[in-house]
C-alpha atoms as a PDB file:
ATOM      1  CA  MET A   1     171.282  92.806-149.158  1.00  0.00           C
ATOM      2  CA  PHE A   2     170.267  96.078-147.495  1.00  0.00           C
ATOM      3  CA  ASP A   3     173.270  97.945-146.111  1.00  0.00           C
ATOM      4  CA  ILE A   4     171.636  99.115-142.880  1.00  0.00           C
ATOM      5  CA  ILE A   5     174.725  99.195-140.697  1.00  0.00           C
ATOM      6  CA  GLY A   6     176.722 101.116-143.310  1.00  0.00           C
ATOM      7  CA  LYS A   7     174.317 104.073-143.070  1.00  0.00           C
ATOM      8  CA  ARG A   8     174.176 104.069-139.274  1.00  0.00           C
ATOM      9  CA  TYR A   9     175.187 107.684-138.769  1.00  0.00           C
ATOM     10  CA  TRP A  10     172.336 108.847-140.994  1.00  0.00           C
ATOM     11  CA  TYR A  11     169.880 107.021-138.724  1.00  0.00           C
ATOM     12  CA  PHE A  12     171.462 108.635-135.675  1.00  0.00           C
ATOM     13  CA  LEU A  13     170.981 112.008-137.346  1.00  0.00           C
ATOM     14  CA  ILE A  14     167.300 111.265-138.010  1.00  0.00           C
ATOM     15  CA  SER A  15     166.800 110.415-134.328  1.00  0.00           C
ATOM     16  CA  LEU A  16     168.571 113.604-133.297  1.00  0.00           C
ATOM     17  CA  ILE A  17     166.301 115.660-135.547  1.00  0.00           C
ATOM     18  CA  ILE A  18     163.258 114.076-133.859  1.00  0.00           C
ATOM     19  CA  ILE A  19     164.515 114.445-130.284  1.00  0.00           C
ATOM     20  CA  LEU A  20     166.114 117.918-130.336  1.00  0.00           C
ATOM     21  CA  PRO A  21     162.911 119.969-130.968  1.00  0.00           C
ATOM     22  CA  GLY A  22     161.265 118.373-127.946  1.00  0.00           C
ATOM     23  CA  ILE A  23     164.293 119.141-125.776  1.00  0.00           C
ATOM     24  CA  VAL A  24     164.163 122.766-126.918  1.00  0.00           C
ATOM     25  CA  VAL A  25     160.432 122.924-126.093  1.00  0.00           C
ATOM     26  CA  MET A  26     161.088 121.453-122.626  1.00  0.00           C
ATOM     27  CA  ALA A  27     163.950 123.891-122.012  1.00  0.00           C
ATOM     28  CA  ILE A  28     161.769 126.880-122.891  1.00  0.00           C
ATOM     29  CA  TRP A  29     158.311 125.927-121.609  1.00  0.00           C
ATOM     30  CA  GLY A  30     159.011 122.964-119.328  1.00  0.00           C
ATOM     31  CA  MET A  31     157.385 119.554-119.134  1.00  0.00           C
ATOM     32  CA  PRO A  32     153.565 119.481-119.420  1.00  0.00           C
ATOM     33  CA  LEU A  33     153.100 117.659-116.120  1.00  0.00           C
ATOM     34  CA  SER A  34     149.585 116.875-114.918  1.00  0.00           C
ATOM     35  CA  ILE A  35     148.365 117.000-111.347  1.00  0.00           C
ATOM     36  CA  ASP A  36     149.467 113.365-110.956  1.00  0.00           C
ATOM     37  CA  PHE A  37     153.091 114.554-110.844  1.00  0.00           C
ATOM     38  CA  LYS A  38     153.076 118.198-109.745  1.00  0.00           C
ATOM     39  CA  GLY A  39     149.984 118.171-107.513  1.00  0.00           C
ATOM     40  CA  GLY A  40     146.749 120.056-108.038  1.00  0.00           C
ATOM     41  CA  THR A  41     143.038 119.606-108.558  1.00  0.00           C
ATOM     42  CA  LEU A  42     141.030 118.512-111.576  1.00  0.00           C
ATOM     43  CA  MET A  43     137.273 119.047-111.525  1.00  0.00           C
ATOM     44  CA  GLN A  44     134.933 118.090-114.331  1.00  0.00           C
ATOM     45  CA  ILE A  45     131.507 119.736-114.156  1.00  0.00           C
ATOM     46  CA  SER A  46     128.425 120.198-116.286  1.00  0.00           C
ATOM     47  CA  PHE A  47     125.597 122.762-116.214  1.00  0.00           C
ATOM     48  CA  PRO A  48     121.973 122.504-117.359  1.00  0.00           C
ATOM     49  CA  GLU A  49     121.488 123.047-121.095  1.00  0.00           C
ATOM     50  CA  ASN A  50     120.094 126.558-120.589  1.00  0.00           C
ATOM     51  CA  VAL A  51     123.185 127.639-118.628  1.00  0.00           C
ATOM     52  CA  GLN A  52     126.468 127.544-120.523  1.00  0.00           C
ATOM     53  CA  PRO A  53     129.005 130.041-119.115  1.00  0.00           C
ATOM     54  CA  ALA A  54     132.112 130.885-121.099  1.00  0.00           C
ATOM     55  CA  PRO A  55     135.374 129.301-119.858  1.00  0.00           C
ATOM     56  CA  SER A  56     136.733 132.794-119.207  1.00  0.00           C
ATOM     57  CA  ASP A  57     133.809 133.462-116.840  1.00  0.00           C
ATOM     58  CA  ILE A  58     134.726 130.363-114.822  1.00  0.00           C
ATOM     59  CA  VAL A  59     138.358 131.509-114.641  1.00  0.00           C
ATOM     60  CA  LEU A  60     137.202 134.883-113.311  1.00  0.00           C
ATOM     61  CA  LEU A  61     135.021 133.159-110.723  1.00  0.00           C
ATOM     62  CA  TYR A  62     137.999 131.106-109.524  1.00  0.00           C
ATOM     63  CA  GLN A  63     139.970 134.324-109.165  1.00  0.00           C
ATOM     64  CA  LYS A  64     137.173 135.766-106.981  1.00  0.00           C
ATOM     65  CA  VAL A  65     137.614 132.860-104.553  1.00  0.00           C
ATOM     66  CA  GLU A  66     141.402 133.429-104.581  1.00  0.00           C
ATOM     67  CA  ILE A  67     142.437 130.655-106.980  1.00  0.00           C
ATOM     68  CA  ASN A  68     144.493 132.407-109.631  1.00  0.00           C
ATOM     69  CA  ASP A  69     145.876 129.609-111.810  1.00  0.00           C
ATOM     70  CA  ALA A  70     142.699 127.877-113.069  1.00  0.00           C
ATOM     71  CA  GLN A  71     142.683 126.523-116.627  1.00  0.00           C
ATOM     72  CA  VAL A  72     139.325 125.681-118.204  1.00  0.00           C
ATOM     73  CA  THR A  73     138.645 123.598-121.317  1.00  0.00           C
ATOM     74  CA  THR A  74     135.444 122.077-122.666  1.00  0.00           C
ATOM     75  CA  SER A  75     134.901 118.500-123.819  1.00  0.00           C
ATOM     76  CA  GLU A  76     132.941 117.330-126.843  1.00  0.00           C
ATOM     77  CA  ASP A  77     129.854 116.617-124.718  1.00  0.00           C
ATOM     78  CA  GLY A  78     129.776 120.126-123.212  1.00  0.00           C
ATOM     79  CA  GLN A  79     131.472 119.414-119.887  1.00  0.00           C
ATOM     80  CA  TYR A  80     133.945 121.834-118.324  1.00  0.00           C
ATOM     81  CA  ILE A  81     137.369 120.481-117.324  1.00  0.00           C
ATOM     82  CA  ILE A  82     138.967 122.747-114.725  1.00  0.00           C
ATOM     83  CA  LYS A  83     142.583 122.356-113.580  1.00  0.00           C
ATOM     84  CA  SER A  84     143.995 124.416-110.755  1.00  0.00           C
ATOM     85  CA  ALA A  85     146.317 124.368-107.767  1.00  0.00           C
ATOM     86  CA  PHE A  86     145.468 121.965-104.955  1.00  0.00           C
ATOM     87  CA  ILE A  87     142.145 122.704-103.213  1.00  0.00           C
ATOM     88  CA  ASP A  88     140.588 120.699-100.402  1.00  0.00           C
ATOM     89  CA  GLU A  89     136.987 119.577-100.024  1.00  0.00           C
ATOM     90  CA  THR A  90     135.958 122.732 -98.171  1.00  0.00           C
ATOM     91  CA  LYS A  91     137.300 124.943-100.938  1.00  0.00           C
ATOM     92  CA  ARG A  92     135.620 122.773-103.574  1.00  0.00           C
ATOM     93  CA  ILE A  93     132.226 123.287-101.913  1.00  0.00           C
ATOM     94  CA  GLU A  94     132.914 127.025-101.811  1.00  0.00           C
ATOM     95  CA  VAL A  95     133.696 127.029-105.556  1.00  0.00           C
ATOM     96  CA  VAL A  96     130.530 125.084-106.425  1.00  0.00           C
ATOM     97  CA  ASN A  97     128.380 127.394-104.288  1.00  0.00           C
ATOM     98  CA  ALA A  98     129.971 130.431-105.945  1.00  0.00           C
ATOM     99  CA  MET A  99     129.134 128.970-109.358  1.00  0.00           C
ATOM    100  CA  ALA A 100     125.521 128.427-108.345  1.00  0.00           C
ATOM    101  CA  ASP A 101     125.242 132.058-107.195  1.00  0.00           C
ATOM    102  CA  GLU A 102     127.105 133.487-110.186  1.00  0.00           C
ATOM    103  CA  PHE A 103     125.474 131.520-113.032  1.00  0.00           C
ATOM    104  CA  GLY A 104     122.036 130.840-111.518  1.00  0.00           C
ATOM    105  CA  ALA A 105     122.348 127.052-111.615  1.00  0.00           C
ATOM    106  CA  ARG A 106     124.269 124.569-109.487  1.00  0.00           C
ATOM    107  CA  PRO A 107     126.763 122.565-111.561  1.00  0.00           C
ATOM    108  CA  THR A 108     126.965 118.783-111.392  1.00  0.00           C
ATOM    109  CA  VAL A 109     130.430 117.604-110.343  1.00  0.00           C
ATOM    110  CA  ASN A 110     131.163 114.567-112.533  1.00  0.00           C
ATOM    111  CA  GLN A 111     134.795 114.141-111.473  1.00  0.00           C
ATOM    112  CA  TYR A 112     136.935 115.550-108.696  1.00  0.00           C
ATOM    113  CA  ASP A 113     140.593 114.524-108.326  1.00  0.00           C
ATOM    114  CA  SER A 114     142.966 116.254-105.958  1.00  0.00           C
ATOM    115  CA  VAL A 115     146.646 115.416-105.451  1.00  0.00           C
ATOM    116  CA  GLY A 116     148.852 117.228-102.964  1.00  0.00           C
ATOM    117  CA  PRO A 117     152.337 118.452-103.990  1.00  0.00           C
ATOM    118  CA  THR A 118     154.054 115.919-101.713  1.00  0.00           C
ATOM    119  CA  ILE A 119     152.204 112.998-103.300  1.00  0.00           C
ATOM    120  CA  GLY A 120     152.980 114.382-106.756  1.00  0.00           C
ATOM    121  CA  LYS A 121     156.724 114.435-105.987  1.00  0.00           C
ATOM    122  CA  GLU A 122     156.516 110.898-104.606  1.00  0.00           C
ATOM    123  CA  VAL A 123     154.812 109.665-107.776  1.00  0.00           C
ATOM    124  CA  THR A 124     157.539 111.322-109.877  1.00  0.00           C
ATOM    125  CA  SER A 125     160.372 109.749-107.890  1.00  0.00           C
ATOM    126  CA  ARG A 126     158.761 106.309-107.960  1.00  0.00           C
ATOM    127  CA  ALA A 127     158.192 106.541-111.709  1.00  0.00           C
ATOM    128  CA  GLY A 128     161.883 107.282-112.207  1.00  0.00           C
ATOM    129  CA  MET A 129     162.792 104.452-109.855  1.00  0.00           C
ATOM    130  CA  ALA A 130     160.576 102.013-111.777  1.00  0.00           C
ATOM    131  CA  ILE A 131     162.286 102.879-115.070  1.00  0.00           C
ATOM    132  CA  GLY A 132     165.732 102.604-113.459  1.00  0.00           C
ATOM    133  CA  VAL A 133     164.986  99.184-111.955  1.00  0.00           C
ATOM    134  CA  ALA A 134     163.603  97.989-115.296  1.00  0.00           C
ATOM    135  CA  ALA A 135     166.777  99.132-117.073  1.00  0.00           C
ATOM    136  CA  LEU A 136     169.020  97.382-114.568  1.00  0.00           C
ATOM    137  CA  GLY A 137     166.954  94.199-114.836  1.00  0.00           C
ATOM    138  CA  VAL A 138     167.262  94.235-118.630  1.00  0.00           C
ATOM    139  CA  ILE A 139     171.063  94.595-118.472  1.00  0.00           C
ATOM    140  CA  LEU A 140     171.396  91.732-116.000  1.00  0.00           C
ATOM    141  CA  PHE A 141     169.032  89.474-117.944  1.00  0.00           C
ATOM    142  CA  ILE A 142     170.696  90.019-121.328  1.00  0.00           C
ATOM    143  CA  THR A 143     174.173  89.661-119.846  1.00  0.00           C
ATOM    144  CA  PHE A 144     173.172  86.328-118.300  1.00  0.00           C
ATOM    145  CA  ALA A 145     171.279  85.071-121.371  1.00  0.00           C
ATOM    146  CA  PHE A 146     174.158  85.984-123.725  1.00  0.00           C
ATOM    147  CA  ARG A 147     176.929  84.770-121.420  1.00  0.00           C
ATOM    148  CA  GLY A 148     178.134  82.254-124.035  1.00  0.00           C
ATOM    149  CA  ILE A 149     179.455  84.939-126.407  1.00  0.00           C
ATOM    150  CA  PRO A 150     182.204  87.531-125.940  1.00  0.00           C
ATOM    151  CA  HIS A 151     181.264  90.892-124.399  1.00  0.00           C
ATOM    152  CA  ALA A 152     177.740  89.841-123.390  1.00  0.00           C
ATOM    153  CA  PHE A 153     177.498  92.917-121.161  1.00  0.00           C
ATOM    154  CA  ARG A 154     177.645  95.146-124.243  1.00  0.00           C
ATOM    155  CA  TYR A 155     174.409  93.731-125.585  1.00  0.00           C
ATOM    156  CA  GLY A 156     172.556  94.697-122.426  1.00  0.00           C
ATOM    157  CA  VAL A 157     174.010  98.209-122.366  1.00  0.00           C
ATOM    158  CA  CYS A 158     173.241  98.759-126.072  1.00  0.00           C
ATOM    159  CA  ALA A 159     169.655  97.599-125.487  1.00  0.00           C
ATOM    160  CA  ILE A 160     169.302 100.173-122.688  1.00  0.00           C
ATOM    161  CA  ILE A 161     170.810 102.954-124.830  1.00  0.00           C
ATOM    162  CA  ALA A 162     168.334 102.153-127.609  1.00  0.00           C
ATOM    163  CA  MET A 163     165.533 101.981-125.041  1.00  0.00           C
ATOM    164  CA  ALA A 164     166.562 105.409-123.735  1.00  0.00           C
ATOM    165  CA  HIS A 165     166.346 106.606-127.339  1.00  0.00           C
ATOM    166  CA  ASP A 166     162.721 105.430-127.492  1.00  0.00           C
ATOM    167  CA  VAL A 167     161.904 107.095-124.164  1.00  0.00           C
ATOM    168  CA  LEU A 168     163.460 110.362-125.324  1.00  0.00           C
ATOM    169  CA  VAL A 169     161.467 110.299-128.556  1.00  0.00           C
ATOM    170  CA  VAL A 170     158.216 109.707-126.652  1.00  0.00           C
ATOM    171  CA  ILE A 171     158.977 112.469-124.135  1.00  0.00           C
ATOM    172  CA  SER A 172     160.049 114.824-126.933  1.00  0.00           C
ATOM    173  CA  ILE A 173     156.830 114.262-128.886  1.00  0.00           C
ATOM    174  CA  SER A 174     154.800 114.617-125.674  1.00  0.00           C
ATOM    175  CA  ALA A 175     156.493 117.916-124.838  1.00  0.00           C
ATOM    176  CA  ILE A 176     155.685 119.264-128.304  1.00  0.00           C
ATOM    177  CA  GLY A 177     152.109 117.956-128.021  1.00  0.00           C
ATOM    178  CA  GLY A 178     151.811 119.493-124.561  1.00  0.00           C
ATOM    179  CA  HIS A 179     152.764 122.944-125.790  1.00  0.00           C
ATOM    180  CA  PHE A 180     150.803 122.970-129.043  1.00  0.00           C
ATOM    181  CA  PHE A 181     147.884 120.585-128.377  1.00  0.00           C
ATOM    182  CA  GLY A 182     147.431 120.620-124.607  1.00  0.00           C
ATOM    183  CA  TRP A 183     148.731 117.106-123.908  1.00  0.00           C
ATOM    184  CA  GLN A 184     149.753 116.300-120.348  1.00  0.00           C
ATOM    185  CA  ILE A 185     152.126 113.801-118.783  1.00  0.00           C
ATOM    186  CA  ASP A 186     149.946 111.891-116.334  1.00  0.00           C
ATOM    187  CA  SER A 187     149.657 108.390-114.880  1.00  0.00           C
ATOM    188  CA  LEU A 188     148.177 107.122-118.152  1.00  0.00           C
ATOM    189  CA  PHE A 189     151.247 108.480-119.965  1.00  0.00           C
ATOM    190  CA  LEU A 190     153.454 106.571-117.526  1.00  0.00           C
ATOM    191  CA  THR A 191     151.507 103.387-118.298  1.00  0.00           C
ATOM    192  CA  ALA A 192     152.069 103.947-122.018  1.00  0.00           C
ATOM    193  CA  LEU A 193     155.777 104.669-121.459  1.00  0.00           C
ATOM    194  CA  LEU A 194     156.357 101.478-119.459  1.00  0.00           C
ATOM    195  CA  THR A 195     154.522  99.508-122.159  1.00  0.00           C
ATOM    196  CA  VAL A 196     156.784 101.056-124.805  1.00  0.00           C
ATOM    197  CA  ILE A 197     159.843 100.078-122.758  1.00  0.00           C
ATOM    198  CA  GLY A 198     158.654  96.463-122.545  1.00  0.00           C
ATOM    199  CA  PHE A 199     157.965  96.120-126.267  1.00  0.00           C
ATOM    200  CA  SER A 200     161.154  97.996-127.151  1.00  0.00           C
ATOM    201  CA  VAL A 201     163.399  95.677-125.164  1.00  0.00           C
ATOM    202  CA  GLN A 202     161.637  92.624-126.594  1.00  0.00           C
ATOM    203  CA  ASP A 203     162.367  93.747-130.167  1.00  0.00           C
ATOM    204  CA  LYS A 204     166.009  94.387-129.385  1.00  0.00           C
ATOM    205  CA  ILE A 205     166.473  90.996-127.771  1.00  0.00           C
ATOM    206  CA  VAL A 206     165.137  89.354-130.960  1.00  0.00           C
ATOM    207  CA  VAL A 207     167.726  91.162-133.096  1.00  0.00           C
ATOM    208  CA  PHE A 208     170.562  90.525-130.645  1.00  0.00           C
ATOM    209  CA  ASP A 209     169.607  86.876-130.356  1.00  0.00           C
ATOM    210  CA  ARG A 210     169.919  86.484-134.119  1.00  0.00           C
ATOM    211  CA  ILE A 211     173.367  88.101-133.954  1.00  0.00           C
ATOM    212  CA  ARG A 212     174.313  85.612-131.263  1.00  0.00           C
ATOM    213  CA  GLU A 213     173.126  82.662-133.358  1.00  0.00           C
ATOM    214  CA  ASN A 214     174.906  83.878-136.484  1.00  0.00           C
ATOM    215  CA  SER A 215     178.136  84.542-134.581  1.00  0.00           C
ATOM    216  CA  ASN A 216     178.403  80.790-134.036  1.00  0.00           C
ATOM    217  CA  ILE A 217     177.643  80.016-137.701  1.00  0.00           C
ATOM    218  CA  TYR A 218     179.556  82.719-139.594  1.00  0.00           C
ATOM    219  CA  ARG A 219     182.674  82.913-137.474  1.00  0.00           C
ATOM    220  CA  ARG A 220     184.877  84.403-140.184  1.00  0.00           C
ATOM    221  CA  LEU A 221     182.556  87.241-141.175  1.00  0.00           C
ATOM    222  CA  PRO A 222     183.459  90.761-140.011  1.00  0.00           C
ATOM    223  CA  PHE A 223     181.218  91.777-137.123  1.00  0.00           C
ATOM    224  CA  GLU A 224     179.666  94.644-139.107  1.00  0.00           C
ATOM    225  CA  THR A 225     178.651  92.278-141.934  1.00  0.00           C
ATOM    226  CA  LEU A 226     177.384  89.725-139.420  1.00  0.00           C
ATOM    227  CA  ALA A 227     175.238  92.315-137.631  1.00  0.00           C
ATOM    228  CA  ASN A 228     173.830  93.651-140.899  1.00  0.00           C
ATOM    229  CA  HIS A 229     172.956  90.126-142.062  1.00  0.00           C
ATOM    230  CA  SER A 230     171.204  89.427-138.749  1.00  0.00           C
ATOM    231  CA  ILE A 231     169.143  92.624-138.972  1.00  0.00           C
ATOM    232  CA  VAL A 232     168.020  91.801-142.496  1.00  0.00           C
ATOM    233  CA  GLN A 233     166.966  88.326-141.348  1.00  0.00           C
ATOM    234  CA  THR A 234     164.726  89.767-138.613  1.00  0.00           C
ATOM    235  CA  LEU A 235     163.542  92.776-140.618  1.00  0.00           C
ATOM    236  CA  GLN A 236     160.366  91.223-141.993  1.00  0.00           C
ATOM    237  CA  ARG A 237     159.433  89.676-138.672  1.00  0.00           C
ATOM    238  CA  SER A 238     159.910  92.953-136.762  1.00  0.00           C
ATOM    239  CA  ILE A 239     157.889  95.070-139.186  1.00  0.00           C
ATOM    240  CA  ASN A 240     155.074  92.590-139.797  1.00  0.00           C
ATOM    241  CA  THR A 241     154.619  91.687-136.142  1.00  0.00           C
ATOM    242  CA  GLN A 242     154.488  95.315-135.053  1.00  0.00           C
ATOM    243  CA  LEU A 243     152.109  96.397-137.797  1.00  0.00           C
ATOM    244  CA  MET A 244     149.718  93.487-137.521  1.00  0.00           C
ATOM    245  CA  THR A 245     149.545  93.150-133.736  1.00  0.00           C
ATOM    246  CA  SER A 246     149.876  96.728-132.497  1.00  0.00           C
ATOM    247  CA  GLU A 247     150.058  99.652-134.891  1.00  0.00           C
ATOM    248  CA  PHE A 248     146.786  99.110-136.783  1.00  0.00           C
ATOM    249  CA  MET A 249     144.874  98.582-133.537  1.00  0.00           C
ATOM    250  CA  LEU A 250     146.370 101.680-131.913  1.00  0.00           C
ATOM    251  CA  LEU A 251     145.708 103.751-135.024  1.00  0.00           C
ATOM    252  CA  ALA A 252     142.046 102.707-134.892  1.00  0.00           C
ATOM    253  CA  MET A 253     141.891 103.625-131.182  1.00  0.00           C
ATOM    254  CA  ALA A 254     143.467 107.013-131.866  1.00  0.00           C
ATOM    255  CA  LEU A 255     141.011 107.772-134.678  1.00  0.00           C
ATOM    256  CA  PHE A 256     137.809 106.361-133.210  1.00  0.00           C
ATOM    257  CA  GLY A 257     138.457 105.856-129.484  1.00  0.00           C
ATOM    258  CA  GLY A 258     137.361 109.312-128.367  1.00  0.00           C
ATOM    259  CA  VAL A 259     139.183 112.118-126.612  1.00  0.00           C
ATOM    260  CA  THR A 260     139.928 110.098-123.474  1.00  0.00           C
ATOM    261  CA  LEU A 261     141.945 107.424-125.301  1.00  0.00           C
ATOM    262  CA  ARG A 262     143.374 109.530-128.118  1.00  0.00           C
ATOM    263  CA  GLU A 263     146.471 110.845-126.383  1.00  0.00           C
ATOM    264  CA  PHE A 264     147.220 107.472-124.772  1.00  0.00           C
ATOM    265  CA  SER A 265     146.839 105.693-128.129  1.00  0.00           C
ATOM    266  CA  LEU A 266     149.050 108.198-129.951  1.00  0.00           C
ATOM    267  CA  ILE A 267     151.800 107.888-127.344  1.00  0.00           C
ATOM    268  CA  LEU A 268     151.731 104.096-127.651  1.00  0.00           C
ATOM    269  CA  LEU A 269     151.582 104.304-131.446  1.00  0.00           C
ATOM    270  CA  ILE A 270     154.646 106.550-131.625  1.00  0.00           C
ATOM    271  CA  GLY A 271     156.509 104.667-128.905  1.00  0.00           C
ATOM    272  CA  LEU A 272     156.036 101.204-130.386  1.00  0.00           C
ATOM    273  CA  LEU A 273     156.932 102.494-133.851  1.00  0.00           C
ATOM    274  CA  MET A 274     160.133 103.982-132.434  1.00  0.00           C
ATOM    275  CA  GLY A 275     160.819 100.721-130.593  1.00  0.00           C
ATOM    276  CA  THR A 276     160.806  98.846-133.888  1.00  0.00           C
ATOM    277  CA  TYR A 277     162.841 101.588-135.573  1.00  0.00           C
ATOM    278  CA  SER A 278     165.521 101.584-132.873  1.00  0.00           C
ATOM    279  CA  SER A 279     165.748  97.780-132.862  1.00  0.00           C
ATOM    280  CA  ILE A 280     166.715  97.881-136.537  1.00  0.00           C
ATOM    281  CA  PHE A 281     168.531 101.186-136.956  1.00  0.00           C
ATOM    282  CA  ILE A 282     169.897 102.115-133.510  1.00  0.00           C
ATOM    283  CA  ALA A 283     170.617  99.150-131.206  1.00  0.00           C
ATOM    284  CA  ALA A 284     172.747  96.947-133.490  1.00  0.00           C
ATOM    285  CA  PRO A 285     174.595  99.915-135.064  1.00  0.00           C
ATOM    286  CA  ILE A 286     175.608 101.082-131.561  1.00  0.00           C
ATOM    287  CA  LEU A 287     176.856  97.554-130.887  1.00  0.00           C
ATOM    288  CA  VAL A 288     178.959  97.710-134.071  1.00  0.00           C
ATOM    289  CA  ILE A 289     180.399 101.097-133.067  1.00  0.00           C
ATOM    290  CA  TRP A 290     181.358  99.677-129.680  1.00  0.00           C
ATOM    291  CA  GLU A 291     182.860  96.544-131.236  1.00  0.00           C
ATOM    292  CA  LYS A 292     184.970  98.582-133.691  1.00  0.00           C
ATOM    293  CA  LYS A 293     185.706 101.366-131.141  1.00  0.00           C
ATOM    294  CA  GLU A 294     184.870 103.947-133.771  1.00  0.00           C
ATOM    295  CA  TRP A 295     184.865 106.806-131.267  1.00  0.00           C
ATOM    296  CA  GLN A 296     188.679 106.687-131.371  1.00  0.00           C
ATOM    297  CA  THR A 297     188.630 108.055-134.932  1.00  0.00           C
ATOM    298  CA  TRP A 298     185.668 110.482-134.702  1.00  0.00           C
ATOM    299  CA  PHE A 299     187.797 113.588-134.136  1.00  0.00           C
ATOM    300  CA  LYS A 300     190.888 112.602-136.080  1.00  0.00           C
ATOM    301  CA  ARG A 301     191.661 114.147-139.408  1.00  0.00           C
ATOM    302  CA  LYS A 302     191.750 111.837-142.346  1.00  0.00           C
ATOM    303  CA  PRO A 303     195.202 111.594-143.931  1.00  0.00           C
ATOM    304  CA  LYS A 304     195.502 113.452-147.183  1.00  0.00           C
ATOM    305  CA  ALA A 305     196.065 111.425-150.297  1.00  0.00           C
ATOM    306  CA  VAL A 306     199.602 111.668-151.669  1.00  0.00           C
ATOM    307  CA  THR A 307     199.731 112.614-155.324  1.00  0.00           C
ATOM    308  CA  GLN A 308     202.672 111.861-157.534  1.00  0.00           C
ATOM    309  CA  GLY A 309     203.607 114.364-160.171  1.00  0.00           C
END
């Protein structure tokens, strides 16, 4: 039998190694929030084939019309993606006219999204509220569903702690991707995050449910052995189900789905993988730690062995 529970602190260390770099990146450079959360304007334009200004020229043009924070990137099909502070429709027309005068051709505006700072803050607060309500609902549901066994509330809390682990991993990876690869936390990221939360909780309930069933069968087993046996029983199901139904499909989307879907697919791929990982290596081990109250001995010195001479 695999001794998964016995190596629990090693798994916690692995998670810490994954999460800490992202926290450091966020502390130094901040979260890579898109205009959906912090407010701003995104404009996607294209020029005729004979007119292809450099992105730096577009940034300079924005500065001429008193917009000093424009960021310009180009897509694979030659379109310019311009992100800046919030500008209204009047200012947008002024920018387009300035481009026509500066570059000798009027650009085609393929996309124009503008979100005010107030709306961005409201979206942020509602996103946090949605995650909080989901967490509370999970605790209440698991506590009610597991009411027939001792300490049912613990199962719900441990599921939320493991879910928070998955969220932190996703945010950490996104922060690193935002700094080094230009990823942004937008509404599509929020969709991926909520999907990860749903799948993550589902996996944990499967493992906890097996612990509940085995607790009625193997009453005399120590809880640590019982939990380890339950994890091993669900191990094949968790890995096979995740790989066959989700991971391969998301990997294909990330590789061949184009730039628009790549970041979304990678976030889901990482999040669902971490959901399976935490169901096996984080959730049940935390439950064992709580059951054994191991925190009471974390900072105590081990007694020295007495030698007889």
